[in-house]
Structures are given as C-alpha cells and as structure tokens.
C-alpha cells in the first residue's frame, strides 16, 4: 500500500480508535505493509502486490533513415 503521510496518520488514528492494536503503532494496516509517498495527494491510496509491477518512465523513440550519402 502506498499513501501520503497525512493519509497514513488518519489510518493510524482510525486503527487506534477501533482498538485494532494494543502495544505500539503498526507498520501495517489490516496486515498489509504501507509505504509513505509524499508526492501523492491526500485523497490517493494505491493498494496492490507491488512484486509484480515494473514502474518506469517511457518516452517516444523515433528513428530517421536516409539513402543519401550526404544529408541534413
């Protein structure tokens, strides 16, 4: 799970209010680990098995060919 720090704080407050943990603040929510990403808005939360994802930045590639010996 990937979420914003403010969203994490809200989730931890919810877990604390419902008594789902007893001794310390959890690093999981309902058994799933979560990671902070402060570039997300407070309304965004991404949940999934990240072991199967490859995230990358794709850019357009173009190739120009010519049959002339001297070209511009």
Protein backbone atom coordinates (compact mmCIF):
# COMPACT_ATOMS: atom_id res chain seq x y z
CA UNK A 1 0.00 0.00 0.00
CA UNK A 2 1.38 3.41 -0.93
CA UNK A 3 -0.10 6.51 0.65
CA UNK A 4 0.60 10.08 1.72
CA UNK A 5 1.88 10.80 5.25
CA UNK A 6 -1.36 12.63 6.16
CA UNK A 7 -3.43 9.67 4.95
CA UNK A 8 -1.22 7.33 6.99
CA UNK A 9 -1.83 9.45 10.09
CA UNK A 10 -5.59 9.26 9.53
CA UNK A 11 -5.39 5.49 9.06
CA UNK A 12 -3.35 5.06 12.25
CA UNK A 13 -5.85 7.23 14.17
CA UNK A 14 -8.67 5.01 12.88
CA UNK A 15 -6.84 1.85 13.92
CA UNK A 16 -6.14 3.37 17.35
CA UNK A 17 -9.77 4.42 17.81
CA UNK A 18 -11.08 0.96 16.95
CA UNK A 19 -8.59 -0.83 19.23
CA UNK A 20 -7.09 -2.95 16.47
CA UNK A 21 -3.63 -2.79 18.09
CA UNK A 22 -2.56 -2.75 21.72
CA UNK A 23 1.14 -2.00 22.25
CA UNK A 24 2.63 0.21 19.52
CA UNK A 25 1.82 1.91 16.26
CA UNK A 26 1.69 -0.68 13.49
CA UNK A 27 3.69 -0.55 10.27
CA UNK A 28 0.86 -2.45 8.62
CA UNK A 29 -2.82 -1.74 8.08
CA UNK A 30 -5.03 -4.81 8.34
CA UNK A 31 -1.91 -6.94 7.91
CA UNK A 32 -0.64 -5.21 4.76
CA UNK A 33 2.56 -3.11 4.91
CA UNK A 34 2.32 0.51 3.88
CA UNK A 35 4.88 2.93 2.50
CA UNK A 36 4.80 6.71 2.57
CA UNK A 37 4.95 8.67 -0.68
CA UNK A 38 4.54 12.38 -0.06
CA UNK A 39 4.07 13.22 -3.75
CA UNK A 40 0.54 11.78 -3.61
CA UNK A 41 -2.46 13.88 -2.75
CA UNK A 42 -4.26 13.16 0.48
CA UNK A 43 -7.13 11.52 -1.39
CA UNK A 44 -4.92 8.93 -3.16
CA UNK A 45 -4.02 5.47 -1.89
CA UNK A 46 -2.60 2.66 -4.03
CA UNK A 47 -3.11 -0.92 -2.92
CA UNK A 48 -1.69 -4.00 -4.61
CA UNK A 49 1.06 -6.60 -4.76
CA UNK A 50 3.98 -4.45 -5.94
CA UNK A 51 6.20 -7.50 -6.51
CA UNK A 52 4.61 -7.96 -9.94
CA UNK A 53 4.87 -4.34 -11.16
CA UNK A 54 7.64 -2.60 -13.04
CA UNK A 55 7.25 1.14 -12.95
CA UNK A 56 9.20 3.19 -15.47
CA UNK A 57 9.20 6.39 -17.45
CA UNK A 58 8.52 5.71 -21.12
CA UNK A 59 9.48 8.14 -23.82
CA UNK A 60 8.85 8.15 -27.55
CA UNK A 61 11.71 6.84 -29.68
CA UNK A 62 12.00 7.91 -33.31
CA UNK A 63 14.47 6.83 -35.98
CA UNK A 64 15.07 8.64 -39.25
CA UNK A 65 16.81 6.88 -42.14
CA UNK A 66 18.10 8.11 -45.47
CA UNK A 67 19.58 6.56 -48.59
CA UNK A 68 21.60 9.65 -49.47
CA UNK A 69 25.32 9.80 -48.72
CA UNK A 70 25.27 13.45 -47.59
CA UNK A 71 22.06 14.64 -45.98
CA UNK A 72 20.97 17.07 -43.31
